[in-house]
Amino acid sequence: DFPAFYTRSSGCKAAYNLASARDAARMISVS
C-alpha cells in the first residue's frame, strides 16, 4: 500500500516493499 500523506493508504500499490533500513540502503548503494 502506497501512503497518501495524511492517510496510510492512497488506494495505489507501490512496485516494491522495503522491509528494513538495510534493504533500502542496499538498493541505494547498488543504484
ModelCIF file with pLDDT and N, C-alpha, C, O atoms, coordinates in Angstrom:
data_MODEL
#
_entry.id   MODEL 
#
_entity.id                         1 
_entity.type                       polymer 
_entity.pdbx_number_of_molecules   1 
#
_entity_poly.entity_id                      1 
_entity_poly.type                           'polypeptide(L)' 
_entity_poly.nstd_linkage                   no 
_entity_poly.nstd_monomer                   no 
_entity_poly.pdbx_seq_one_letter_code       DFPAFYTRSSGCKAAYNLASARDAARMISVS 
_entity_poly.pdbx_seq_one_letter_code_can   DFPAFYTRSSGCKAAYNLASARDAARMISVS 
_entity_poly.pdbx_strand_id                 A 
#
loop_
_entity_poly_seq.entity_id 
_entity_poly_seq.num 
_entity_poly_seq.mon_id 
_entity_poly_seq.hetero 
1 1  ASP n 
1 2  PHE n 
1 3  PRO n 
1 4  ALA n 
1 5  PHE n 
1 6  TYR n 
1 7  THR n 
1 8  ARG n 
1 9  SER n 
1 10 SER n 
1 11 GLY n 
1 12 CYS n 
1 13 LYS n 
1 14 ALA n 
1 15 ALA n 
1 16 TYR n 
1 17 ASN n 
1 18 LEU n 
1 19 ALA n 
1 20 SER n 
1 21 ALA n 
1 22 ARG n 
1 23 ASP n 
1 24 ALA n 
1 25 ALA n 
1 26 ARG n 
1 27 MET n 
1 28 ILE n 
1 29 SER n 
1 30 VAL n 
1 31 SER n 
#
_struct_asym.id          A 
_struct_asym.entity_id   1 
#
loop_
_ma_qa_metric.id 
_ma_qa_metric.mode 
_ma_qa_metric.name 
_ma_qa_metric.software_group_id 
_ma_qa_metric.type 
1 global pLDDT . pLDDT 
2 local  pLDDT . pLDDT 
#
_ma_qa_metric_global.metric_id      1 
_ma_qa_metric_global.metric_value   96.03 
_ma_qa_metric_global.model_id       1 
_ma_qa_metric_global.ordinal_id     1 
#
loop_
_ma_qa_metric_local.label_asym_id 
_ma_qa_metric_local.label_comp_id 
_ma_qa_metric_local.label_seq_id 
_ma_qa_metric_local.metric_id 
_ma_qa_metric_local.metric_value 
_ma_qa_metric_local.model_id 
_ma_qa_metric_local.ordinal_id 
A ASP 1  2 96.00 1 1  
A PHE 2  2 97.00 1 2  
A PRO 3  2 96.00 1 3  
A ALA 4  2 92.00 1 4  
A PHE 5  2 91.00 1 5  
A TYR 6  2 91.00 1 6  
A THR 7  2 93.00 1 7  
A ARG 8  2 94.00 1 8  
A SER 9  2 93.00 1 9  
A SER 10 2 93.00 1 10 
A GLY 11 2 92.00 1 11 
A CYS 12 2 96.00 1 12 
A LYS 13 2 97.00 1 13 
A ALA 14 2 97.00 1 14 
A ALA 15 2 96.00 1 15 
A TYR 16 2 98.00 1 16 
A ASN 17 2 98.00 1 17 
A LEU 18 2 98.00 1 18 
A ALA 19 2 98.00 1 19 
A SER 20 2 98.00 1 20 
A ALA 21 2 98.00 1 21 
A ARG 22 2 98.00 1 22 
A ASP 23 2 98.00 1 23 
A ALA 24 2 98.00 1 24 
A ALA 25 2 98.00 1 25 
A ARG 26 2 98.00 1 26 
A MET 27 2 98.00 1 27 
A ILE 28 2 97.00 1 28 
A SER 29 2 97.00 1 29 
A VAL 30 2 97.00 1 30 
A SER 31 2 96.00 1 31 
#
loop_
_atom_site.group_PDB 
_atom_site.id 
_atom_site.type_symbol 
_atom_site.label_atom_id 
_atom_site.label_alt_id 
_atom_site.label_comp_id 
_atom_site.label_asym_id 
_atom_site.label_entity_id 
_atom_site.label_seq_id 
_atom_site.pdbx_PDB_ins_code 
_atom_site.Cartn_x 
_atom_site.Cartn_y 
_atom_site.Cartn_z 
_atom_site.occupancy 
_atom_site.B_iso_or_equiv 
_atom_site.pdbx_formal_charge 
_atom_site.auth_seq_id 
_atom_site.auth_comp_id 
_atom_site.auth_asym_id 
_atom_site.auth_atom_id 
_atom_site.pdbx_PDB_model_num 
ATOM 1   N N  . ASP A 1 1  ? 0.845  -1.197 0.000  1.00 96.00 ? 1  ASP A N  1 
ATOM 2   C CA . ASP A 1 1  ? 0.000  0.000  0.000  1.00 96.00 ? 1  ASP A CA 1 
ATOM 3   C C  . ASP A 1 1  ? 0.880  1.247  0.000  1.00 96.00 ? 1  ASP A C  1 
ATOM 4   O O  . ASP A 1 1  ? 1.769  1.394  0.839  1.00 96.00 ? 1  ASP A O  1 
ATOM 5   N N  . PHE A 1 2  ? 0.622  2.133  -0.943 1.00 97.00 ? 2  PHE A N  1 
ATOM 6   C CA . PHE A 1 2  ? 1.399  3.363  -1.018 1.00 97.00 ? 2  PHE A CA 1 
ATOM 7   C C  . PHE A 1 2  ? 0.662  4.464  -0.268 1.00 97.00 ? 2  PHE A C  1 
ATOM 8   O O  . PHE A 1 2  ? -0.518 4.697  -0.529 1.00 97.00 ? 2  PHE A O  1 
ATOM 9   N N  . PRO A 1 3  ? 1.336  5.149  0.664  1.00 96.00 ? 3  PRO A N  1 
ATOM 10  C CA . PRO A 1 3  ? 0.655  6.138  1.506  1.00 96.00 ? 3  PRO A CA 1 
ATOM 11  C C  . PRO A 1 3  ? 0.267  7.404  0.742  1.00 96.00 ? 3  PRO A C  1 
ATOM 12  O O  . PRO A 1 3  ? 0.778  7.675  -0.344 1.00 96.00 ? 3  PRO A O  1 
ATOM 13  N N  . ALA A 1 4  ? -0.638 8.162  1.330  1.00 92.00 ? 4  ALA A N  1 
ATOM 14  C CA . ALA A 1 4  ? -1.103 9.409  0.718  1.00 92.00 ? 4  ALA A CA 1 
ATOM 15  C C  . ALA A 1 4  ? -1.049 10.543 1.736  1.00 92.00 ? 4  ALA A C  1 
ATOM 16  O O  . ALA A 1 4  ? -2.056 11.185 2.034  1.00 92.00 ? 4  ALA A O  1 
ATOM 17  N N  . PHE A 1 5  ? 0.148  10.772 2.257  1.00 91.00 ? 5  PHE A N  1 
ATOM 18  C CA . PHE A 1 5  ? 0.392  11.893 3.148  1.00 91.00 ? 5  PHE A CA 1 
ATOM 19  C C  . PHE A 1 5  ? -0.409 11.758 4.442  1.00 91.00 ? 5  PHE A C  1 
ATOM 20  O O  . PHE A 1 5  ? 0.060  11.114 5.380  1.00 91.00 ? 5  PHE A O  1 
ATOM 21  N N  . TYR A 1 6  ? -1.604 12.347 4.520  1.00 91.00 ? 6  TYR A N  1 
ATOM 22  C CA . TYR A 1 6  ? -2.393 12.309 5.756  1.00 91.00 ? 6  TYR A CA 1 
ATOM 23  C C  . TYR A 1 6  ? -2.973 10.925 6.050  1.00 91.00 ? 6  TYR A C  1 
ATOM 24  O O  . TYR A 1 6  ? -3.317 10.627 7.194  1.00 91.00 ? 6  TYR A O  1 
ATOM 25  N N  . THR A 1 7  ? -3.082 10.085 5.029  1.00 93.00 ? 7  THR A N  1 
ATOM 26  C CA . THR A 1 7  ? -3.679 8.763  5.204  1.00 93.00 ? 7  THR A CA 1 
ATOM 27  C C  . THR A 1 7  ? -2.650 7.674  4.895  1.00 93.00 ? 7  THR A C  1 
ATOM 28  O O  . THR A 1 7  ? -1.717 7.890  4.122  1.00 93.00 ? 7  THR A O  1 
ATOM 29  N N  . ARG A 1 8  ? -2.834 6.502  5.508  1.00 94.00 ? 8  ARG A N  1 
ATOM 30  C CA . ARG A 1 8  ? -1.840 5.442  5.383  1.00 94.00 ? 8  ARG A CA 1 
ATOM 31  C C  . ARG A 1 8  ? -1.900 4.711  4.048  1.00 94.00 ? 8  ARG A C  1 
ATOM 32  O O  . ARG A 1 8  ? -0.964 3.997  3.688  1.00 94.00 ? 8  ARG A O  1 
ATOM 33  N N  . SER A 1 9  ? -2.985 4.884  3.319  1.00 93.00 ? 9  SER A N  1 
ATOM 34  C CA . SER A 1 9  ? -3.099 4.246  2.010  1.00 93.00 ? 9  SER A CA 1 
ATOM 35  C C  . SER A 1 9  ? -3.752 5.193  1.016  1.00 93.00 ? 9  SER A C  1 
ATOM 36  O O  . SER A 1 9  ? -4.693 5.914  1.346  1.00 93.00 ? 9  SER A O  1 
ATOM 37  N N  . SER A 1 10 ? -3.238 5.179  -0.202 1.00 93.00 ? 10 SER A N  1 
ATOM 38  C CA . SER A 1 10 ? -3.792 6.017  -1.265 1.00 93.00 ? 10 SER A CA 1 
ATOM 39  C C  . SER A 1 10 ? -4.732 5.236  -2.167 1.00 93.00 ? 10 SER A C  1 
ATOM 40  O O  . SER A 1 10 ? -5.381 5.802  -3.046 1.00 93.00 ? 10 SER A O  1 
ATOM 41  N N  . GLY A 1 11 ? -4.798 3.912  -1.938 1.00 92.00 ? 11 GLY A N  1 
ATOM 42  C CA . GLY A 1 11 ? -5.552 3.062  -2.852 1.00 92.00 ? 11 GLY A CA 1 
ATOM 43  C C  . GLY A 1 11 ? -4.686 2.570  -4.002 1.00 92.00 ? 11 GLY A C  1 
ATOM 44  O O  . GLY A 1 11 ? -5.140 1.781  -4.830 1.00 92.00 ? 11 GLY A O  1 
ATOM 45  N N  . CYS A 1 12 ? -3.423 3.038  -4.058 1.00 96.00 ? 12 CYS A N  1 
ATOM 46  C CA . CYS A 1 12 ? -2.482 2.616  -5.093 1.00 96.00 ? 12 CYS A CA 1 
ATOM 47  C C  . CYS A 1 12 ? -1.417 1.707  -4.471 1.00 96.00 ? 12 CYS A C  1 
ATOM 48  O O  . CYS A 1 12 ? -1.172 1.743  -3.265 1.00 96.00 ? 12 CYS A O  1 
ATOM 49  N N  . LYS A 1 13 ? -0.808 0.913  -5.308 1.00 97.00 ? 13 LYS A N  1 
ATOM 50  C CA . LYS A 1 13 ? 0.233  -0.001 -4.846 1.00 97.00 ? 13 LYS A CA 1 
ATOM 51  C C  . LYS A 1 13 ? 1.607  0.470  -5.317 1.00 97.00 ? 13 LYS A C  1 
ATOM 52  O O  . LYS A 1 13 ? 1.754  0.996  -6.420 1.00 97.00 ? 13 LYS A O  1 
ATOM 53  N N  . ALA A 1 14 ? 2.600  0.275  -4.467 1.00 97.00 ? 14 ALA A N  1 
ATOM 54  C CA . ALA A 1 14 ? 3.982  0.529  -4.852 1.00 97.00 ? 14 ALA A CA 1 
ATOM 55  C C  . ALA A 1 14 ? 4.515  -0.665 -5.631 1.00 97.00 ? 14 ALA A C  1 
ATOM 56  O O  . ALA A 1 14 ? 3.953  -1.758 -5.565 1.00 97.00 ? 14 ALA A O  1 
ATOM 57  N N  . ALA A 1 15 ? 5.604  -0.453 -6.369 1.00 96.00 ? 15 ALA A N  1 
ATOM 58  C CA . ALA A 1 15 ? 6.194  -1.551 -7.138 1.00 96.00 ? 15 ALA A CA 1 
ATOM 59  C C  . ALA A 1 15 ? 6.845  -2.579 -6.219 1.00 96.00 ? 15 ALA A C  1 
ATOM 60  O O  . ALA A 1 15 ? 6.805  -3.779 -6.490 1.00 96.00 ? 15 ALA A O  1 
ATOM 61  N N  . TYR A 1 16 ? 7.449  -2.098 -5.125 1.00 98.00 ? 16 TYR A N  1 
ATOM 62  C CA . TYR A 1 16 ? 8.184  -2.984 -4.224 1.00 98.00 ? 16 TYR A CA 1 
ATOM 63  C C  . TYR A 1 16 ? 7.967  -2.539 -2.782 1.00 98.00 ? 16 TYR A C  1 
ATOM 64  O O  . TYR A 1 16 ? 7.491  -1.435 -2.515 1.00 98.00 ? 16 TYR A O  1 
ATOM 65  N N  . ASN A 1 17 ? 8.331  -3.433 -1.859 1.00 98.00 ? 17 ASN A N  1 
ATOM 66  C CA . ASN A 1 17 ? 8.310  -3.083 -0.442 1.00 98.00 ? 17 ASN A CA 1 
ATOM 67  C C  . ASN A 1 17 ? 9.703  -3.306 0.138  1.00 98.00 ? 17 ASN A C  1 
ATOM 68  O O  . ASN A 1 17 ? 10.366 -4.300 -0.159 1.00 98.00 ? 17 ASN A O  1 
ATOM 69  N N  . LEU A 1 18 ? 10.127 -2.364 0.966  1.00 98.00 ? 18 LEU A N  1 
ATOM 70  C CA . LEU A 1 18 ? 11.407 -2.475 1.662  1.00 98.00 ? 18 LEU A CA 1 
ATOM 71  C C  . LEU A 1 18 ? 11.125 -2.820 3.110  1.00 98.00 ? 18 LEU A C  1 
ATOM 72  O O  . LEU A 1 18 ? 10.474 -2.057 3.823  1.00 98.00 ? 18 LEU A O  1 
ATOM 73  N N  . ALA A 1 19 ? 11.615 -3.971 3.543  1.00 98.00 ? 19 ALA A N  1 
ATOM 74  C CA . ALA A 1 19 ? 11.281 -4.465 4.876  1.00 98.00 ? 19 ALA A CA 1 
ATOM 75  C C  . ALA A 1 19 ? 12.085 -3.803 5.978  1.00 98.00 ? 19 ALA A C  1 
ATOM 76  O O  . ALA A 1 19 ? 11.682 -3.837 7.141  1.00 98.00 ? 19 ALA A O  1 
ATOM 77  N N  . SER A 1 20 ? 13.226 -3.196 5.631  1.00 98.00 ? 20 SER A N  1 
ATOM 78  C CA . SER A 1 20 ? 14.091 -2.631 6.665  1.00 98.00 ? 20 SER A CA 1 
ATOM 79  C C  . SER A 1 20 ? 14.942 -1.518 6.092  1.00 98.00 ? 20 SER A C  1 
ATOM 80  O O  . SER A 1 20 ? 15.017 -1.325 4.879  1.00 98.00 ? 20 SER A O  1 
ATOM 81  N N  . ALA A 1 21 ? 15.587 -0.785 7.002  1.00 98.00 ? 21 ALA A N  1 
ATOM 82  C CA . ALA A 1 21 ? 16.504 0.277  6.581  1.00 98.00 ? 21 ALA A CA 1 
ATOM 83  C C  . ALA A 1 21 ? 17.682 -0.316 5.810  1.00 98.00 ? 21 ALA A C  1 
ATOM 84  O O  . ALA A 1 21 ? 18.195 0.306  4.881  1.00 98.00 ? 21 ALA A O  1 
ATOM 85  N N  . ARG A 1 22 ? 18.102 -1.500 6.189  1.00 98.00 ? 22 ARG A N  1 
ATOM 86  C CA . ARG A 1 22 ? 19.231 -2.130 5.498  1.00 98.00 ? 22 ARG A CA 1 
ATOM 87  C C  . ARG A 1 22 ? 18.857 -2.488 4.059  1.00 98.00 ? 22 ARG A C  1 
ATOM 88  O O  . ARG A 1 22 ? 19.672 -2.332 3.150  1.00 98.00 ? 22 ARG A O  1 
ATOM 89  N N  . ASP A 1 23 ? 17.635 -2.965 3.849  1.00 98.00 ? 23 ASP A N  1 
ATOM 90  C CA . ASP A 1 23 ? 17.188 -3.256 2.489  1.00 98.00 ? 23 ASP A CA 1 
ATOM 91  C C  . ASP A 1 23 ? 17.203 -1.987 1.628  1.00 98.00 ? 23 ASP A C  1 
ATOM 92  O O  . ASP A 1 23 ? 17.622 -2.003 0.471  1.00 98.00 ? 23 ASP A O  1 
ATOM 93  N N  . ALA A 1 24 ? 16.735 -0.900 2.224  1.00 98.00 ? 24 ALA A N  1 
ATOM 94  C CA . ALA A 1 24 ? 16.730 0.373  1.499  1.00 98.00 ? 24 ALA A CA 1 
ATOM 95  C C  . ALA A 1 24 ? 18.148 0.818  1.176  1.00 98.00 ? 24 ALA A C  1 
ATOM 96  O O  . ALA A 1 24 ? 18.417 1.295  0.073  1.00 98.00 ? 24 ALA A O  1 
ATOM 97  N N  . ALA A 1 25 ? 19.053 0.662  2.134  1.00 98.00 ? 25 ALA A N  1 
ATOM 98  C CA . ALA A 1 25 ? 20.440 1.079  1.938  1.00 98.00 ? 25 ALA A CA 1 
ATOM 99  C C  . ALA A 1 25 ? 21.109 0.270  0.828  1.00 98.00 ? 25 ALA A C  1 
ATOM 100 O O  . ALA A 1 25 ? 21.837 0.823  0.004  1.00 98.00 ? 25 ALA A O  1 
ATOM 101 N N  . ARG A 1 26 ? 20.865 -1.019 0.809  1.00 98.00 ? 26 ARG A N  1 
ATOM 102 C CA . ARG A 1 26 ? 21.456 -1.863 -0.234 1.00 98.00 ? 26 ARG A CA 1 
ATOM 103 C C  . ARG A 1 26 ? 20.971 -1.444 -1.613 1.00 98.00 ? 26 ARG A C  1 
ATOM 104 O O  . ARG A 1 26 ? 21.751 -1.403 -2.564 1.00 98.00 ? 26 ARG A O  1 
ATOM 105 N N  . MET A 1 27 ? 19.677 -1.131 -1.723 1.00 98.00 ? 27 MET A N  1 
ATOM 106 C CA . MET A 1 27 ? 19.129 -0.701 -3.015 1.00 98.00 ? 27 MET A CA 1 
ATOM 107 C C  . MET A 1 27 ? 19.781 0.599  -3.477 1.00 98.00 ? 27 MET A C  1 
ATOM 108 O O  . MET A 1 27 ? 20.147 0.731  -4.645 1.00 98.00 ? 27 MET A O  1 
ATOM 109 N N  . ILE A 1 28 ? 19.927 1.556  -2.565 1.00 97.00 ? 28 ILE A N  1 
ATOM 110 C CA . ILE A 1 28 ? 20.543 2.840  -2.905 1.00 97.00 ? 28 ILE A CA 1 
ATOM 111 C C  . ILE A 1 28 ? 21.997 2.637  -3.332 1.00 97.00 ? 28 ILE A C  1 
ATOM 112 O O  . ILE A 1 28 ? 22.463 3.251  -4.292 1.00 97.00 ? 28 ILE A O  1 
ATOM 113 N N  . SER A 1 29 ? 22.700 1.776  -2.615 1.00 97.00 ? 29 SER A N  1 
ATOM 114 C CA . SER A 1 29 ? 24.108 1.517  -2.913 1.00 97.00 ? 29 SER A CA 1 
ATOM 115 C C  . SER A 1 29 ? 24.285 0.863  -4.281 1.00 97.00 ? 29 SER A C  1 
ATOM 116 O O  . SER A 1 29 ? 25.175 1.238  -5.045 1.00 97.00 ? 29 SER A O  1 
ATOM 117 N N  . VAL A 1 30 ? 23.436 -0.113 -4.585 1.00 97.00 ? 30 VAL A N  1 
ATOM 118 C CA . VAL A 1 30 ? 23.525 -0.789 -5.882 1.00 97.00 ? 30 VAL A CA 1 
ATOM 119 C C  . VAL A 1 30 ? 23.235 0.185  -7.016 1.00 97.00 ? 30 VAL A C  1 
ATOM 120 O O  . VAL A 1 30 ? 23.898 0.152  -8.053 1.00 97.00 ? 30 VAL A O  1 
ATOM 121 N N  . SER A 1 31 ? 22.244 1.051  -6.820 1.00 96.00 ? 31 SER A N  1 
ATOM 122 C CA . SER A 1 31 ? 21.919 2.052  -7.840 1.00 96.00 ? 31 SER A CA 1 
ATOM 123 C C  . SER A 1 31 ? 23.115 2.965  -8.103 1.00 96.00 ? 31 SER A C  1 
ATOM 124 O O  . SER A 1 31 ? 23.030 3.870  -8.932 1.00 96.00 ? 31 SER A O  1 
#
